[in-house]
C-alpha cells in the first residue's frame, strides 16, 4: 500500500466505510490489530477507513483476504472497484455489502454540516420508530426488513448531536400519515421538539414556488473537501460529488430564503398536529397561517 496516489474522492469515503464494516463483521480485530496483520501503520489504515486516502484495488484485495471475506463476495467487490476506479465523475454508488444507511452514516459522522430537503416524508434523521418503519413499508420494504433498516437508521440519528443539521421540509410531508394519524401526531410532536435538541427544522409552504427538483436530497459539507450530495432512490442510493453536488449547494441558499423561520416552523407544526386532534381553534389558526 505505497507509491504515488490520487487525491481521495467521495467514493473513497464509501469504500473505506465498507472496509471498516467488513473488518467488524468478519473479524474480532481492532484497527491496530488489522494494521499490524496487513503490515501497514494504524494511521494508514485509519485514513483508509475514513476515506482520507485514495483506495487502490490492491488495498481492497489485501484487506478483504485478511478479513476472510468469502471468495464470491471478494471477487464481486474487487470487480466493482475496478469498474469504478476509472470514473471520477459525479456518480458514486454504495458497494456490495453496504446498506444505503450505512453508506450515508459514514459521511454524516465526518461532515461539518448536513442539510436535507424532503418533499413527501419527514427526513429520516428525524423519524420516530413508528413513522420510520411505516414509511419504509409504504416504500415497499417487507416488515422484517423495515425493522432491520430501522436499527441502522437509529444509529444514524446519533450523529445529530455532533453535526450541524438543518432539515427543510415541504409542508406536504406534514400531512402524509405514514402509520396512521396517531403515528403522524407523535412524529409531528417529535419534530416540533427538535429545535430544543439543537436541530434546525424549517418548513417550506406549498404557496412558495421554490423551483427545486422534485426529489428529496441530502447535502453533506466537509471542512477540507468538496460537498457530497445524496439522493435516495426507490431501493438504492446515489452519491454525487464535483460539479453536480454544487447544484444542491445552490439549492440550499434558495431554501434558506423561502422557508419559514425556525420559530414559525414550530408554530405551524403544532397547528398541524392540533388539527389532527380536532382542535377547532388551532384549525382556524392553521387556515389563517
C-alpha atoms as a PDB file:
ATOM      1  CA  UNK A   1       0.000   0.000   0.000  1.00  0.00           C
ATOM      2  CA  UNK A   2       2.588   2.549  -1.107  1.00  0.00           C
ATOM      3  CA  UNK A   3       3.531   4.726  -4.053  1.00  0.00           C
ATOM      4  CA  UNK A   4       2.013   7.834  -5.635  1.00  0.00           C
ATOM      5  CA  UNK A   5      -1.720   8.175  -5.102  1.00  0.00           C
ATOM      6  CA  UNK A   6      -4.523  10.277  -6.449  1.00  0.00           C
ATOM      7  CA  UNK A   7      -6.281  12.625  -4.042  1.00  0.00           C
ATOM      8  CA  UNK A   8      -9.158  10.931  -2.173  1.00  0.00           C
ATOM      9  CA  UNK A   9     -12.579  11.095  -3.808  1.00  0.00           C
ATOM     10  CA  UNK A  10     -16.116  10.748  -2.495  1.00  0.00           C
ATOM     11  CA  UNK A  11     -16.048   7.079  -3.478  1.00  0.00           C
ATOM     12  CA  UNK A  12     -13.121   6.551  -1.087  1.00  0.00           C
ATOM     13  CA  UNK A  13     -15.269   7.618   1.860  1.00  0.00           C
ATOM     14  CA  UNK A  14     -17.846   4.990   0.892  1.00  0.00           C
ATOM     15  CA  UNK A  15     -15.338   2.247   0.176  1.00  0.00           C
ATOM     16  CA  UNK A  16     -13.427   2.979   3.382  1.00  0.00           C
ATOM     17  CA  UNK A  17     -16.630   2.709   5.393  1.00  0.00           C
ATOM     18  CA  UNK A  18     -17.364  -0.642   3.759  1.00  0.00           C
ATOM     19  CA  UNK A  19     -13.890  -1.958   4.608  1.00  0.00           C
ATOM     20  CA  UNK A  20     -14.391  -0.879   8.237  1.00  0.00           C
ATOM     21  CA  UNK A  21     -17.797  -2.608   8.320  1.00  0.00           C
ATOM     22  CA  UNK A  22     -16.348  -5.831   6.869  1.00  0.00           C
ATOM     23  CA  UNK A  23     -13.490  -5.804   9.397  1.00  0.00           C
ATOM     24  CA  UNK A  24     -16.009  -5.608  12.233  1.00  0.00           C
ATOM     25  CA  UNK A  25     -18.377  -8.176  10.708  1.00  0.00           C
ATOM     26  CA  UNK A  26     -15.821 -10.833   9.790  1.00  0.00           C
ATOM     27  CA  UNK A  27     -13.109 -10.423  12.441  1.00  0.00           C
ATOM     28  CA  UNK A  28     -12.544  -9.510  16.070  1.00  0.00           C
ATOM     29  CA  UNK A  29      -9.556  -7.344  15.134  1.00  0.00           C
ATOM     30  CA  UNK A  30      -9.438  -3.727  16.180  1.00  0.00           C
ATOM     31  CA  UNK A  31      -7.819  -1.164  13.910  1.00  0.00           C
ATOM     32  CA  UNK A  32      -4.310  -1.659  15.346  1.00  0.00           C
ATOM     33  CA  UNK A  33      -4.531  -5.452  15.064  1.00  0.00           C
ATOM     34  CA  UNK A  34      -5.682  -5.240  11.441  1.00  0.00           C
ATOM     35  CA  UNK A  35      -2.983  -2.744  10.522  1.00  0.00           C
ATOM     36  CA  UNK A  36      -0.302  -4.972  12.053  1.00  0.00           C
ATOM     37  CA  UNK A  37      -1.611  -8.009  10.177  1.00  0.00           C
ATOM     38  CA  UNK A  38      -1.680  -6.034   6.906  1.00  0.00           C
ATOM     39  CA  UNK A  39       1.857  -4.757   7.603  1.00  0.00           C
ATOM     40  CA  UNK A  40       0.879  -1.108   7.436  1.00  0.00           C
ATOM     41  CA  UNK A  41       0.680   1.626  10.066  1.00  0.00           C
ATOM     42  CA  UNK A  42      -2.501   2.098  12.073  1.00  0.00           C
ATOM     43  CA  UNK A  43      -2.568   5.712  10.807  1.00  0.00           C
ATOM     44  CA  UNK A  44      -2.631   4.456   7.206  1.00  0.00           C
ATOM     45  CA  UNK A  45      -5.483   2.048   7.884  1.00  0.00           C
ATOM     46  CA  UNK A  46      -7.360   4.746   9.784  1.00  0.00           C
ATOM     47  CA  UNK A  47      -7.071   7.118   6.798  1.00  0.00           C
ATOM     48  CA  UNK A  48      -8.206   4.284   4.535  1.00  0.00           C
ATOM     49  CA  UNK A  49     -11.316   3.516   6.587  1.00  0.00           C
ATOM     50  CA  UNK A  50     -12.158   7.205   6.864  1.00  0.00           C
ATOM     51  CA  UNK A  51     -11.733   7.872   3.151  1.00  0.00           C
ATOM     52  CA  UNK A  52      -8.777  10.190   3.720  1.00  0.00           C
ATOM     53  CA  UNK A  53      -6.591   8.449   1.122  1.00  0.00           C
ATOM     54  CA  UNK A  54      -7.278   7.124  -2.357  1.00  0.00           C
ATOM     55  CA  UNK A  55      -8.008   3.396  -2.147  1.00  0.00           C
ATOM     56  CA  UNK A  56      -6.484   1.210  -4.860  1.00  0.00           C
ATOM     57  CA  UNK A  57      -7.665  -2.221  -5.980  1.00  0.00           C
ATOM     58  CA  UNK A  58      -4.612  -3.761  -4.301  1.00  0.00           C
ATOM     59  CA  UNK A  59      -5.648  -2.233  -0.968  1.00  0.00           C
ATOM     60  CA  UNK A  60      -9.094  -3.774  -1.250  1.00  0.00           C
ATOM     61  CA  UNK A  61      -7.774  -7.204  -2.249  1.00  0.00           C
ATOM     62  CA  UNK A  62      -5.314  -7.347   0.666  1.00  0.00           C
ATOM     63  CA  UNK A  63      -7.846  -6.310   3.289  1.00  0.00           C
ATOM     64  CA  UNK A  64     -10.691  -8.484   2.012  1.00  0.00           C
ATOM     65  CA  UNK A  65      -8.386 -11.517   2.078  1.00  0.00           C
ATOM     66  CA  UNK A  66      -7.119 -10.604   5.552  1.00  0.00           C
ATOM     67  CA  UNK A  67     -10.680 -10.276   6.863  1.00  0.00           C
ATOM     68  CA  UNK A  68     -11.720 -13.643   5.462  1.00  0.00           C
ATOM     69  CA  UNK A  69     -14.462 -12.286   3.213  1.00  0.00           C
ATOM     70  CA  UNK A  70     -15.910 -15.184   1.163  1.00  0.00           C
ATOM     71  CA  UNK A  71     -14.326 -15.578  -2.274  1.00  0.00           C
ATOM     72  CA  UNK A  72     -17.514 -14.823  -4.244  1.00  0.00           C
ATOM     73  CA  UNK A  73     -18.170 -11.572  -2.373  1.00  0.00           C
ATOM     74  CA  UNK A  74     -14.483 -10.671  -2.514  1.00  0.00           C
ATOM     75  CA  UNK A  75     -14.419 -11.125  -6.301  1.00  0.00           C
ATOM     76  CA  UNK A  76     -17.606  -9.080  -6.740  1.00  0.00           C
ATOM     77  CA  UNK A  77     -16.271  -6.222  -4.650  1.00  0.00           C
ATOM     78  CA  UNK A  78     -12.940  -6.135  -6.454  1.00  0.00           C
ATOM     79  CA  UNK A  79     -14.739  -6.070  -9.806  1.00  0.00           C
ATOM     80  CA  UNK A  80     -16.897  -3.168  -8.619  1.00  0.00           C
ATOM     81  CA  UNK A  81     -13.846  -1.223  -7.513  1.00  0.00           C
ATOM     82  CA  UNK A  82     -12.067  -1.985 -10.782  1.00  0.00           C
ATOM     83  CA  UNK A  83     -15.055  -0.707 -12.776  1.00  0.00           C
ATOM     84  CA  UNK A  84     -15.414   2.363 -10.572  1.00  0.00           C
ATOM     85  CA  UNK A  85     -11.728   3.250 -10.342  1.00  0.00           C
ATOM     86  CA  UNK A  86     -11.677   4.967 -13.738  1.00  0.00           C
ATOM     87  CA  UNK A  87     -14.758   7.113 -13.140  1.00  0.00           C
ATOM     88  CA  UNK A  88     -14.130  10.277 -11.220  1.00  0.00           C
ATOM     89  CA  UNK A  89     -17.332  11.870 -12.397  1.00  0.00           C
ATOM     90  CA  UNK A  90     -20.402  12.603 -10.340  1.00  0.00           C
ATOM     91  CA  UNK A  91     -21.970   9.196  -9.711  1.00  0.00           C
ATOM     92  CA  UNK A  92     -20.860   7.082  -6.759  1.00  0.00           C
ATOM     93  CA  UNK A  93     -22.874   4.022  -5.744  1.00  0.00           C
ATOM     94  CA  UNK A  94     -22.870   2.115  -2.451  1.00  0.00           C
ATOM     95  CA  UNK A  95     -20.758  -1.018  -2.816  1.00  0.00           C
ATOM     96  CA  UNK A  96     -21.934  -4.602  -2.353  1.00  0.00           C
ATOM     97  CA  UNK A  97     -22.470  -5.411   1.320  1.00  0.00           C
ATOM     98  CA  UNK A  98     -23.195  -1.820   2.348  1.00  0.00           C
ATOM     99  CA  UNK A  99     -26.743  -0.697   3.023  1.00  0.00           C
ATOM    100  CA  UNK A 100     -27.722   2.825   1.917  1.00  0.00           C
ATOM    101  CA  UNK A 101     -27.985   3.903   5.569  1.00  0.00           C
ATOM    102  CA  UNK A 102     -24.513   2.539   6.377  1.00  0.00           C
ATOM    103  CA  UNK A 103     -23.019   4.416   3.446  1.00  0.00           C
ATOM    104  CA  UNK A 104     -24.760   7.642   4.356  1.00  0.00           C
ATOM    105  CA  UNK A 105     -23.876   7.304   8.041  1.00  0.00           C
ATOM    106  CA  UNK A 106     -20.181   7.085   7.195  1.00  0.00           C
ATOM    107  CA  UNK A 107     -20.408  10.505   5.578  1.00  0.00           C
ATOM    108  CA  UNK A 108     -22.719  12.112   8.145  1.00  0.00           C
ATOM    109  CA  UNK A 109     -20.426  11.336  11.058  1.00  0.00           C
ATOM    110  CA  UNK A 110     -17.489  13.129   9.402  1.00  0.00           C
ATOM    111  CA  UNK A 111     -19.448  16.039   7.896  1.00  0.00           C
ATOM    112  CA  UNK A 112     -19.215  19.547   9.322  1.00  0.00           C
ATOM    113  CA  UNK A 113     -22.778  20.300   8.231  1.00  0.00           C
ATOM    114  CA  UNK A 114     -25.708  18.295   6.849  1.00  0.00           C
ATOM    115  CA  UNK A 115     -28.668  19.839   5.020  1.00  0.00           C
ATOM    116  CA  UNK A 116     -31.694  17.901   3.808  1.00  0.00           C
ATOM    117  CA  UNK A 117     -34.660  18.732   1.591  1.00  0.00           C
ATOM    118  CA  UNK A 118     -37.703  16.459   1.923  1.00  0.00           C
ATOM    119  CA  UNK A 119     -40.797  16.608  -0.234  1.00  0.00           C
ATOM    120  CA  UNK A 120     -43.311  13.930   0.776  1.00  0.00           C
ATOM    121  CA  UNK A 121     -41.965  12.467   4.024  1.00  0.00           C
ATOM    122  CA  UNK A 122     -40.216  13.640   7.173  1.00  0.00           C
ATOM    123  CA  UNK A 123     -36.414  13.274   6.739  1.00  0.00           C
ATOM    124  CA  UNK A 124     -35.077  10.020   8.136  1.00  0.00           C
ATOM    125  CA  UNK A 125     -32.740  11.653  10.669  1.00  0.00           C
ATOM    126  CA  UNK A 126     -35.859  12.978  12.422  1.00  0.00           C
ATOM    127  CA  UNK A 127     -38.016   9.840  12.262  1.00  0.00           C
ATOM    128  CA  UNK A 128     -39.716   8.274  15.227  1.00  0.00           C
ATOM    129  CA  UNK A 129     -39.610   4.500  15.172  1.00  0.00           C
ATOM    130  CA  UNK A 130     -43.285   4.052  14.303  1.00  0.00           C
ATOM    131  CA  UNK A 131     -43.226   6.606  11.499  1.00  0.00           C
ATOM    132  CA  UNK A 132     -39.888   5.417  10.119  1.00  0.00           C
ATOM    133  CA  UNK A 133     -40.900   1.767   9.894  1.00  0.00           C
ATOM    134  CA  UNK A 134     -44.293   2.671   8.405  1.00  0.00           C
ATOM    135  CA  UNK A 135     -42.636   4.888   5.794  1.00  0.00           C
ATOM    136  CA  UNK A 136     -40.267   2.093   4.782  1.00  0.00           C
ATOM    137  CA  UNK A 137     -43.129  -0.389   4.494  1.00  0.00           C
ATOM    138  CA  UNK A 138     -45.020   2.120   2.337  1.00  0.00           C
ATOM    139  CA  UNK A 139     -41.902   2.275   0.152  1.00  0.00           C
ATOM    140  CA  UNK A 140     -42.124  -1.466  -0.479  1.00  0.00           C
ATOM    141  CA  UNK A 141     -39.883  -2.938   2.228  1.00  0.00           C
ATOM    142  CA  UNK A 142     -41.200  -6.107   3.946  1.00  0.00           C
ATOM    143  CA  UNK A 143     -41.952  -5.501   7.659  1.00  0.00           C
ATOM    144  CA  UNK A 144     -38.989  -7.564   8.933  1.00  0.00           C
ATOM    145  CA  UNK A 145     -36.620  -5.772   6.547  1.00  0.00           C
ATOM    146  CA  UNK A 146     -38.017  -2.416   7.652  1.00  0.00           C
ATOM    147  CA  UNK A 147     -37.286  -3.366  11.266  1.00  0.00           C
ATOM    148  CA  UNK A 148     -33.672  -4.189  10.348  1.00  0.00           C
ATOM    149  CA  UNK A 149     -33.261  -0.933   8.426  1.00  0.00           C
ATOM    150  CA  UNK A 150     -34.671   0.997  11.362  1.00  0.00           C
ATOM    151  CA  UNK A 151     -31.760  -0.168  13.535  1.00  0.00           C
ATOM    152  CA  UNK A 152     -29.271   1.303  11.041  1.00  0.00           C
ATOM    153  CA  UNK A 153     -31.337   4.470  10.725  1.00  0.00           C
ATOM    154  CA  UNK A 154     -31.496   4.847  14.502  1.00  0.00           C
ATOM    155  CA  UNK A 155     -27.708   4.634  14.625  1.00  0.00           C
ATOM    156  CA  UNK A 156     -27.539   7.457  12.076  1.00  0.00           C
ATOM    157  CA  UNK A 157     -29.612   9.683  14.318  1.00  0.00           C
ATOM    158  CA  UNK A 158     -26.844   9.597  16.904  1.00  0.00           C
ATOM    159  CA  UNK A 159     -24.832  11.867  14.583  1.00  0.00           C
ATOM    160  CA  UNK A 160     -27.240  14.729  15.211  1.00  0.00           C
ATOM    161  CA  UNK A 161     -25.588  15.693  18.472  1.00  0.00           C
ATOM    162  CA  UNK A 162     -22.235  16.424  16.824  1.00  0.00           C
ATOM    163  CA  UNK A 163     -23.281  17.667  13.380  1.00  0.00           C
ATOM    164  CA  UNK A 164     -24.782  20.985  12.292  1.00  0.00           C
ATOM    165  CA  UNK A 165     -28.027  19.689  10.795  1.00  0.00           C
ATOM    166  CA  UNK A 166     -30.812  21.624   9.076  1.00  0.00           C
ATOM    167  CA  UNK A 167     -33.921  19.967   7.630  1.00  0.00           C
ATOM    168  CA  UNK A 168     -36.036  21.803   5.063  1.00  0.00           C
ATOM    169  CA  UNK A 169     -39.409  20.075   4.759  1.00  0.00           C
ATOM    170  CA  UNK A 170     -42.170  20.722   2.253  1.00  0.00           C
ATOM    171  CA  UNK A 171     -45.479  21.062   4.078  1.00  0.00           C
ATOM    172  CA  UNK A 172     -46.918  18.124   2.099  1.00  0.00           C
ATOM    173  CA  UNK A 173     -44.789  15.818   4.267  1.00  0.00           C
ATOM    174  CA  UNK A 174     -46.548  17.069   7.392  1.00  0.00           C
ATOM    175  CA  UNK A 175     -49.904  15.819   6.096  1.00  0.00           C
ATOM    176  CA  UNK A 176     -48.845  12.351   4.878  1.00  0.00           C
ATOM    177  CA  UNK A 177     -49.959   9.903   7.607  1.00  0.00           C
ATOM    178  CA  UNK A 178     -47.448   7.061   7.377  1.00  0.00           C
ATOM    179  CA  UNK A 179     -48.573   4.581  10.014  1.00  0.00           C
ATOM    180  CA  UNK A 180     -51.866   6.366  10.618  1.00  0.00           C
ATOM    181  CA  UNK A 181     -52.995   9.568  12.281  1.00  0.00           C
ATOM    182  CA  UNK A 182     -51.730   8.686  15.767  1.00  0.00           C
ATOM    183  CA  UNK A 183     -48.261   7.807  14.473  1.00  0.00           C
ATOM    184  CA  UNK A 184     -48.137  11.011  12.442  1.00  0.00           C
ATOM    185  CA  UNK A 185     -49.191  13.005  15.514  1.00  0.00           C
ATOM    186  CA  UNK A 186     -46.334  11.559  17.535  1.00  0.00           C
ATOM    187  CA  UNK A 187     -43.944  12.235  14.665  1.00  0.00           C
ATOM    188  CA  UNK A 188     -45.047  15.882  14.495  1.00  0.00           C
ATOM    189  CA  UNK A 189     -44.568  16.255  18.257  1.00  0.00           C
ATOM    190  CA  UNK A 190     -41.059  14.853  17.902  1.00  0.00           C
ATOM    191  CA  UNK A 191     -40.407  17.243  15.020  1.00  0.00           C
ATOM    192  CA  UNK A 192     -41.656  20.300  16.914  1.00  0.00           C
ATOM    193  CA  UNK A 193     -39.326  19.480  19.800  1.00  0.00           C
ATOM    194  CA  UNK A 194     -36.288  19.089  17.550  1.00  0.00           C
ATOM    195  CA  UNK A 195     -35.284  22.738  17.987  1.00  0.00           C
ATOM    196  CA  UNK A 196     -34.836  22.075  21.716  1.00  0.00           C
ATOM    197  CA  UNK A 197     -32.202  19.499  20.761  1.00  0.00           C
ATOM    198  CA  UNK A 198     -30.275  21.987  18.613  1.00  0.00           C
ATOM    199  CA  UNK A 199     -31.680  20.745  15.298  1.00  0.00           C
ATOM    200  CA  UNK A 200     -32.722  23.212  12.601  1.00  0.00           C
ATOM    201  CA  UNK A 201     -36.192  22.417  11.197  1.00  0.00           C
ATOM    202  CA  UNK A 202     -37.771  24.755   8.648  1.00  0.00           C
ATOM    203  CA  UNK A 203     -40.962  24.208   6.675  1.00  0.00           C
ATOM    204  CA  UNK A 204     -41.485  25.374   3.088  1.00  0.00           C
ATOM    205  CA  UNK A 205     -45.124  26.241   2.433  1.00  0.00           C
ATOM    206  CA  UNK A 206     -46.826  24.984  -0.727  1.00  0.00           C
ATOM    207  CA  UNK A 207     -47.523  28.585  -1.704  1.00  0.00           C
ATOM    208  CA  UNK A 208     -43.774  29.225  -2.039  1.00  0.00           C
ATOM    209  CA  UNK A 209     -42.636  28.154  -5.504  1.00  0.00           C
ATOM    210  CA  UNK A 210     -39.084  27.133  -4.734  1.00  0.00           C
ATOM    211  CA  UNK A 211     -38.419  25.844  -8.251  1.00  0.00           C
ATOM    212  CA  UNK A 212     -36.298  22.959  -6.970  1.00  0.00           C
ATOM    213  CA  UNK A 213     -36.012  19.426  -8.263  1.00  0.00           C
ATOM    214  CA  UNK A 214     -38.915  17.219  -7.266  1.00  0.00           C
ATOM    215  CA  UNK A 215     -36.864  14.669  -5.344  1.00  0.00           C
ATOM    216  CA  UNK A 216     -35.587  14.728  -1.788  1.00  0.00           C
ATOM    217  CA  UNK A 217     -31.860  15.005  -1.150  1.00  0.00           C
ATOM    218  CA  UNK A 218     -29.164  15.489   1.475  1.00  0.00           C
ATOM    219  CA  UNK A 219     -26.079  17.684   1.131  1.00  0.00           C
ATOM    220  CA  UNK A 220     -23.024  16.944   3.246  1.00  0.00           C
ATOM    221  CA  UNK A 221     -20.356  19.618   3.683  1.00  0.00           C
ATOM    222  CA  UNK A 222     -16.836  18.793   4.875  1.00  0.00           C
ATOM    223  CA  UNK A 223     -14.144  21.014   6.392  1.00  0.00           C
ATOM    224  CA  UNK A 224     -11.451  20.273   3.802  1.00  0.00           C
ATOM    225  CA  UNK A 225     -13.262  18.506   0.964  1.00  0.00           C
ATOM    226  CA  UNK A 226     -15.942  19.423  -1.605  1.00  0.00           C
ATOM    227  CA  UNK A 227     -19.561  18.675  -0.640  1.00  0.00           C
ATOM    228  CA  UNK A 228     -21.303  15.393  -1.447  1.00  0.00           C
ATOM    229  CA  UNK A 229     -24.994  15.147  -2.333  1.00  0.00           C
ATOM    230  CA  UNK A 230     -27.026  12.040  -1.522  1.00  0.00           C
ATOM    231  CA  UNK A 231     -30.223  11.092  -3.334  1.00  0.00           C
ATOM    232  CA  UNK A 232     -32.218   8.123  -2.099  1.00  0.00           C
ATOM    233  CA  UNK A 233     -33.883   6.164  -4.884  1.00  0.00           C
ATOM    234  CA  UNK A 234     -36.593   3.521  -4.534  1.00  0.00           C
ATOM    235  CA  UNK A 235     -34.342   0.697  -3.308  1.00  0.00           C
ATOM    236  CA  UNK A 236     -30.872   2.225  -3.538  1.00  0.00           C
ATOM    237  CA  UNK A 237     -28.986   5.487  -3.253  1.00  0.00           C
ATOM    238  CA  UNK A 238     -26.796   7.688  -5.393  1.00  0.00           C
ATOM    239  CA  UNK A 239     -23.985   9.950  -4.239  1.00  0.00           C
ATOM    240  CA  UNK A 240     -22.892  12.953  -6.288  1.00  0.00           C
ATOM    241  CA  UNK A 241     -19.704  14.921  -5.989  1.00  0.00           C
ATOM    242  CA  UNK A 242     -17.917  17.535  -8.081  1.00  0.00           C
ATOM    243  CA  UNK A 243     -19.974  19.958 -10.180  1.00  0.00           C
ATOM    244  CA  UNK A 244     -23.213  18.015  -9.648  1.00  0.00           C
ATOM    245  CA  UNK A 245     -23.099  18.500  -5.883  1.00  0.00           C
ATOM    246  CA  UNK A 246     -22.603  22.243  -6.339  1.00  0.00           C
ATOM    247  CA  UNK A 247     -26.116  22.403  -7.797  1.00  0.00           C
ATOM    248  CA  UNK A 248     -27.535  21.236  -4.473  1.00  0.00           C
ATOM    249  CA  UNK A 249     -25.376  23.732  -2.636  1.00  0.00           C
ATOM    250  CA  UNK A 250     -27.104  26.497  -4.606  1.00  0.00           C
ATOM    251  CA  UNK A 251     -30.470  24.946  -3.728  1.00  0.00           C
ATOM    252  CA  UNK A 252     -29.730  25.291  -0.018  1.00  0.00           C
ATOM    253  CA  UNK A 253     -29.225  29.039  -0.459  1.00  0.00           C
ATOM    254  CA  UNK A 254     -32.642  29.381  -2.040  1.00  0.00           C
ATOM    255  CA  UNK A 255     -34.311  27.229   0.604  1.00  0.00           C
ATOM    256  CA  UNK A 256     -32.798  29.402   3.303  1.00  0.00           C
ATOM    257  CA  UNK A 257     -34.594  32.414   1.854  1.00  0.00           C
ATOM    258  CA  UNK A 258     -38.066  30.915   1.229  1.00  0.00           C
ATOM    259  CA  UNK A 259     -38.545  28.630   4.239  1.00  0.00           C
ATOM    260  CA  UNK A 260     -40.386  29.654   7.396  1.00  0.00           C
ATOM    261  CA  UNK A 261     -38.164  30.670  10.271  1.00  0.00           C
ATOM    262  CA  UNK A 262     -37.404  28.067  12.937  1.00  0.00           C
ATOM    263  CA  UNK A 263     -39.862  29.733  15.333  1.00  0.00           C
ATOM    264  CA  UNK A 264     -42.644  29.992  12.737  1.00  0.00           C
ATOM    265  CA  UNK A 265     -41.997  26.401  11.713  1.00  0.00           C
ATOM    266  CA  UNK A 266     -42.531  25.224  15.290  1.00  0.00           C
ATOM    267  CA  UNK A 267     -45.818  27.131  15.467  1.00  0.00           C
ATOM    268  CA  UNK A 268     -47.001  25.728  12.145  1.00  0.00           C
ATOM    269  CA  UNK A 269     -46.138  22.128  13.050  1.00  0.00           C
ATOM    270  CA  UNK A 270     -48.042  22.441  16.339  1.00  0.00           C
ATOM    271  CA  UNK A 271     -51.039  23.781  14.428  1.00  0.00           C
ATOM    272  CA  UNK A 272     -50.978  20.847  12.030  1.00  0.00           C
ATOM    273  CA  UNK A 273     -50.731  18.428  14.953  1.00  0.00           C
ATOM    274  CA  UNK A 274     -53.654  20.135  16.702  1.00  0.00           C
ATOM    275  CA  UNK A 275     -55.688  19.773  13.538  1.00  0.00           C
ATOM    276  CA  UNK A 276     -55.107  16.023  13.665  1.00  0.00           C
ATOM    277  CA  UNK A 277     -56.609  16.098  17.149  1.00  0.00           C
ATOM    278  CA  UNK A 278     -59.633  18.102  16.020  1.00  0.00           C
ATOM    279  CA  UNK A 279     -58.804  21.283  17.944  1.00  0.00           C
ATOM    280  CA  UNK A 280     -61.148  23.826  16.282  1.00  0.00           C
ATOM    281  CA  UNK A 281     -59.269  26.897  17.495  1.00  0.00           C
ATOM    282  CA  UNK A 282     -55.983  25.624  16.090  1.00  0.00           C
ATOM    283  CA  UNK A 283     -57.758  24.652  12.876  1.00  0.00           C
ATOM    284  CA  UNK A 284     -58.872  28.260  12.410  1.00  0.00           C
ATOM    285  CA  UNK A 285     -55.341  29.456  13.128  1.00  0.00           C
ATOM    286  CA  UNK A 286     -53.993  26.943  10.620  1.00  0.00           C
ATOM    287  CA  UNK A 287     -56.262  28.275   7.880  1.00  0.00           C
ATOM    288  CA  UNK A 288     -55.153  31.806   8.624  1.00  0.00           C
ATOM    289  CA  UNK A 289     -51.460  30.948   8.685  1.00  0.00           C
END
